[in-house]
Each structure stands twice: as structure tokens, then as C-alpha cells.
Amino acid sequence: MNAAPATKQGRATRERIVRAAADLIAERGAAATTLDDVRAATAASKSQLYHYFGDKQGLVEAVVEHQCAGVLGFQAHALASVSSWEDLERWRELMVAGVAERGARGGCPIGTLAAALADTDEALRITLGDAFRAWSDAIRGALVRLREEGLIAADADLDQLTTITLSAIEGGLLLAKTARDPGLLRTALDGAIAQLRAPRAAPA
């Protein structure tokens, strides 16, 4: 990928193009989004696109980085404040409210890109896999604090519970998107929270 533009104006132009391309790719998919589509949406010249991104692959890579950074930044901040069941429920409601504000459209930016690209682009599969691992780390950090507060059983498998929670997010977002019903995400997250609250077997 090309280096970041040296000027403030150049950085702003590049960011504007990436945001527009991200919206188009979310709506149409990466394969169906062309550079001409991006030019039409941004009034950018062909030379600008090639200057900032090199080619369509470079633009898609920039979109992946942009979407991952946005999701992970939001999740890391929201999950960092979780140390009680009430905090976790506020995080759940924050997630559901975000989906409702978007009219239950779009789903998870990382999940949508992974579904479209993981089987066809090995480098981007790795990038997206790293993003999911970073998200898992943020979730696990919240679960560690809950366990330290005595809210999760000491013998709970936090790796397993992290996977259950992330799976509930991804599955709930997909169902909410398909049905245009944010309540389905709440139901999925409630199921994950019930698993977190479940007592574990005492050691023998």
C-alpha cells in the first residue's frame, strides 16, 4: 500500500475516498465495486486514485484497514469499561442502539468483509483474522475483570466464553441485518451473557 499523503489536504482527500469506497463496498461488495464507481461517488480523478492507492487492490486494502480500525476502536473503548453485569448490559444496549440507528443495515463491517474476501485473498484473510483476534482480546479483557470481581466462575474457560460472545455478536448482527430487526442482536447477546452468568462445576 502507498505511504500516507504528506499534506493535511492529501490525507483528508484520501480519507474521504476511503470512506466513500467503504460505503460502496458495504452496499455492493468488493467485487462489484469499481474504481469508476468510487470516482463517481467522490469526484476524485483517476490519477488521484492511482496516486493514493496504486490500484483497486490497494483501495480494498485501505477499506479493510479503515473498517477494522473503526470497529476495533469502538469495541476496545466500550469493553474497557466493563467490570460488572450492569456494565456488560450497557455495552449490549450500545451495540443494539448502533444497529437500530443504521436501520439494521450493514451488519458487521469486519464480518462482511471476511465473508467476501477470506476465500479469495490470503493477505486480507490474515488481516481480518488479526482483527477478530484483537476483538477477542478486548472481550477477554472484560471477562477477566468480571472474573476478578467474582462474577464469572473461577474455573470458567475464558477462551471458550470469548468465542461464544464474539460468535453471538457476529451471528446476531447477521440476523438483525437480514430481518431488519435489531432485537435479534439483543437476543443473541442475551444468550451469550446467560452463558457468562452460568455457574460452573466445582473442582473435584
Protein backbone atom coordinates (compact mmCIF):
# COMPACT_ATOMS: atom_id res chain seq x y z
CA MET A 1 0.00 0.00 0.00
CA ASN A 2 1.22 3.52 -0.73
CA ALA A 3 2.54 5.68 2.08
CA ALA A 4 0.19 8.15 3.75
CA PRO A 5 0.00 11.54 1.99
CA ALA A 6 2.42 14.12 3.34
CA THR A 7 -0.03 17.05 3.45
CA LYS A 8 -3.12 17.59 5.56
CA GLN A 9 -5.19 18.17 2.42
CA GLY A 10 -3.87 14.97 0.87
CA ARG A 11 -4.70 12.97 3.98
CA ALA A 12 -8.21 14.44 4.05
CA THR A 13 -8.74 13.61 0.37
CA ARG A 14 -7.52 10.06 0.84
CA GLU A 15 -9.74 9.59 3.91
CA ARG A 16 -12.76 10.90 2.01
CA ILE A 17 -12.13 8.43 -0.80
CA VAL A 18 -11.66 5.51 1.60
CA ARG A 19 -14.89 6.33 3.46
CA ALA A 20 -16.86 6.53 0.23
CA ALA A 21 -15.33 3.29 -1.03
CA ALA A 22 -16.15 1.60 2.29
CA ASP A 23 -19.81 2.62 1.92
CA LEU A 24 -19.94 1.33 -1.66
CA ILE A 25 -18.25 -1.95 -0.79
CA ALA A 26 -20.59 -2.45 2.18
CA GLU A 27 -23.56 -1.91 -0.14
CA ARG A 28 -22.40 -3.75 -3.27
CA GLY A 29 -19.48 -5.95 -2.24
CA ALA A 30 -15.83 -5.58 -3.18
CA ALA A 31 -16.10 -7.48 -6.46
CA ALA A 32 -18.98 -5.35 -7.73
CA THR A 33 -17.44 -2.02 -6.75
CA THR A 34 -15.27 -0.47 -9.47
CA LEU A 35 -12.84 2.41 -9.41
CA ASP A 36 -15.26 4.27 -11.69
CA ASP A 37 -17.95 3.85 -9.02
CA VAL A 38 -15.61 5.37 -6.45
CA ARG A 39 -14.69 8.22 -8.80
CA ALA A 40 -18.36 8.99 -9.37
CA ALA A 41 -19.10 8.99 -5.66
CA THR A 42 -16.16 11.19 -4.70
CA ALA A 43 -15.47 13.34 -7.79
CA ALA A 44 -11.89 12.12 -7.48
CA SER A 45 -9.77 11.87 -10.60
CA LYS A 46 -8.32 8.61 -11.87
CA SER A 47 -4.85 9.98 -11.20
CA GLN A 48 -5.76 10.64 -7.56
CA LEU A 49 -6.96 7.08 -7.08
CA TYR A 50 -3.79 5.64 -8.56
CA HIS A 51 -1.65 8.11 -6.62
CA TYR A 52 -3.19 7.24 -3.24
CA PHE A 53 -3.88 3.54 -3.71
CA GLY A 54 -1.98 2.23 -6.74
CA ASP A 55 -4.88 0.11 -7.98
CA LYS A 56 -8.20 -1.35 -6.87
CA GLN A 57 -6.45 -3.89 -4.65
CA GLY A 58 -4.74 -1.09 -2.79
CA LEU A 59 -8.06 0.67 -2.31
CA VAL A 60 -9.71 -2.51 -0.98
CA GLU A 61 -6.80 -2.96 1.44
CA ALA A 62 -7.29 0.61 2.63
CA VAL A 63 -11.00 -0.04 3.16
CA VAL A 64 -10.26 -3.18 5.18
CA GLU A 65 -7.82 -1.27 7.38
CA HIS A 66 -10.30 1.58 7.79
CA GLN A 67 -13.21 -0.67 8.73
CA CYS A 68 -11.14 -2.78 11.12
CA ALA A 69 -9.76 0.30 12.86
CA GLY A 70 -13.24 1.76 13.29
CA VAL A 71 -14.80 -1.38 14.74
CA LEU A 72 -11.86 -2.24 16.98
CA GLY A 73 -11.51 1.30 18.27
CA PHE A 74 -15.17 1.40 19.25
CA GLN A 75 -15.15 -2.07 20.80
CA ALA A 76 -11.90 -1.59 22.72
CA HIS A 77 -13.23 1.63 24.25
CA ALA A 78 -16.66 0.20 25.07
CA LEU A 79 -15.38 -3.07 26.53
CA ALA A 80 -12.62 -1.41 28.57
CA SER A 81 -15.26 -0.04 30.96
CA VAL A 82 -16.87 -3.43 31.62
CA SER A 83 -16.32 -4.74 35.15
CA SER A 84 -19.89 -5.60 36.25
CA TRP A 85 -23.01 -7.17 34.78
CA GLU A 86 -24.54 -3.71 34.54
CA ASP A 87 -21.55 -2.54 32.50
CA LEU A 88 -21.90 -5.54 30.21
CA GLU A 89 -25.59 -4.86 29.72
CA ARG A 90 -24.81 -1.22 28.86
CA TRP A 91 -22.35 -2.48 26.24
CA ARG A 92 -25.08 -4.75 24.86
CA GLU A 93 -27.52 -1.86 24.65
CA LEU A 94 -24.87 0.31 22.98
CA MET A 95 -24.43 -2.38 20.34
CA VAL A 96 -28.17 -2.74 19.77
CA ALA A 97 -28.69 1.04 19.63
CA GLY A 98 -25.99 1.35 16.97
CA VAL A 99 -27.73 -1.24 14.82
CA ALA A 100 -31.08 0.48 15.30
CA GLU A 101 -29.61 3.85 14.28
CA ARG A 102 -28.48 2.28 10.99
CA GLY A 103 -31.88 0.76 10.36
CA ALA A 104 -30.38 -2.69 10.95
CA ARG A 105 -28.42 -2.34 7.72
CA GLY A 106 -24.81 -3.20 7.00
CA GLY A 107 -24.14 -5.87 9.60
CA CYS A 108 -20.61 -6.13 10.95
CA PRO A 109 -18.06 -4.38 8.71
CA ILE A 110 -15.33 -6.88 9.59
CA GLY A 111 -17.61 -9.89 9.23
CA THR A 112 -19.00 -8.68 5.92
CA LEU A 113 -15.51 -8.16 4.50
CA ALA A 114 -14.35 -11.53 5.83
CA ALA A 115 -17.27 -13.31 4.17
CA ALA A 116 -16.44 -11.66 0.84
CA LEU A 117 -12.64 -11.81 0.87
CA ALA A 118 -11.32 -14.57 3.14
CA ASP A 119 -11.57 -17.28 0.48
CA THR A 120 -10.08 -15.23 -2.34
CA ASP A 121 -7.36 -13.05 -0.79
CA GLU A 122 -4.95 -14.70 1.62
CA ALA A 123 -3.29 -11.46 2.76
CA LEU A 124 -6.62 -9.85 3.59
CA ARG A 125 -7.81 -13.05 5.27
CA ILE A 126 -4.84 -12.73 7.62
CA THR A 127 -5.56 -9.04 8.22
CA LEU A 128 -9.20 -9.75 9.01
CA GLY A 129 -8.24 -12.70 11.20
CA ASP A 130 -5.92 -10.42 13.16
CA ALA A 131 -8.82 -8.00 13.61
CA PHE A 132 -11.03 -10.74 15.03
CA ARG A 133 -8.21 -11.75 17.39
CA ALA A 134 -7.86 -8.15 18.58
CA TRP A 135 -11.62 -8.00 19.15
CA SER A 136 -11.42 -11.29 21.06
CA ASP A 137 -8.65 -9.84 23.22
CA ALA A 138 -10.89 -6.89 24.13
CA ILE A 139 -13.76 -9.24 25.01
CA ARG A 140 -11.47 -11.49 27.04
CA GLY A 141 -10.15 -8.49 28.94
CA ALA A 142 -13.70 -7.67 30.01
CA LEU A 143 -14.29 -11.27 31.06
CA VAL A 144 -11.09 -11.29 33.11
CA ARG A 145 -12.32 -8.25 35.04
CA LEU A 146 -15.69 -9.90 35.60
CA ARG A 147 -13.93 -12.99 36.94
CA GLU A 148 -11.73 -10.85 39.19
CA GLU A 149 -14.93 -9.35 40.62
CA GLY A 150 -16.20 -12.85 41.36
CA LEU A 151 -18.96 -12.61 38.75
CA ILE A 152 -17.63 -15.37 36.48
CA ALA A 153 -16.70 -18.71 37.98
CA ALA A 154 -13.00 -19.18 38.65
CA ASP A 155 -12.97 -22.42 36.64
CA ALA A 156 -14.67 -20.89 33.58
CA ASP A 157 -12.90 -21.32 30.24
CA LEU A 158 -12.48 -17.68 29.22
CA ASP A 159 -11.25 -18.56 25.73
CA GLN A 160 -14.41 -20.56 25.11
CA LEU A 161 -16.62 -17.83 26.55
CA THR A 162 -14.85 -15.22 24.42
CA THR A 163 -15.57 -17.26 21.29
CA ILE A 164 -19.21 -17.69 22.33
CA THR A 165 -19.56 -13.93 22.85
CA LEU A 166 -17.93 -12.96 19.56
CA SER A 167 -20.00 -15.58 17.73
CA ALA A 168 -23.17 -14.13 19.28
CA ILE A 169 -22.17 -10.66 18.06
CA GLU A 170 -21.47 -11.82 14.50
CA GLY A 171 -24.49 -14.09 14.28
CA GLY A 172 -26.77 -11.54 15.89
CA LEU A 173 -25.62 -8.79 13.53
CA LEU A 174 -26.21 -11.02 10.51
CA LEU A 175 -29.70 -11.99 11.68
CA ALA A 176 -30.57 -8.38 12.53
CA LYS A 177 -29.38 -7.24 9.10
CA THR A 178 -31.34 -9.93 7.29
CA ALA A 179 -34.57 -9.41 9.24
CA ARG A 180 -34.09 -5.63 9.70
CA ASP A 181 -34.69 -6.29 13.40
CA PRO A 182 -32.14 -5.02 15.98
CA GLY A 183 -33.92 -7.09 18.62
CA LEU A 184 -32.34 -10.22 17.18
CA LEU A 185 -28.90 -8.90 18.14
CA ARG A 186 -30.16 -8.30 21.69
CA THR A 187 -31.47 -11.86 21.85
CA ALA A 188 -28.14 -13.27 20.65
CA LEU A 189 -26.18 -11.20 23.15
CA ASP A 190 -28.57 -12.13 25.95
CA GLY A 191 -27.78 -15.77 25.15
CA ALA A 192 -24.06 -15.11 25.41
CA ILE A 193 -24.49 -13.21 28.69
CA ALA A 194 -26.53 -16.11 30.07
CA GLN A 195 -23.56 -18.37 29.30
CA LEU A 196 -21.25 -15.99 31.15
CA ARG A 197 -23.56 -15.99 34.18
CA ALA A 198 -23.97 -19.78 34.22
CA PRO A 199 -22.37 -21.49 37.26
CA ARG A 200 -19.50 -23.86 36.50
CA ALA A 201 -18.85 -27.24 38.05
CA ALA A 202 -16.84 -27.14 41.26
CA PRO A 203 -13.37 -28.76 41.05
CA ALA A 204 -13.29 -32.38 42.20
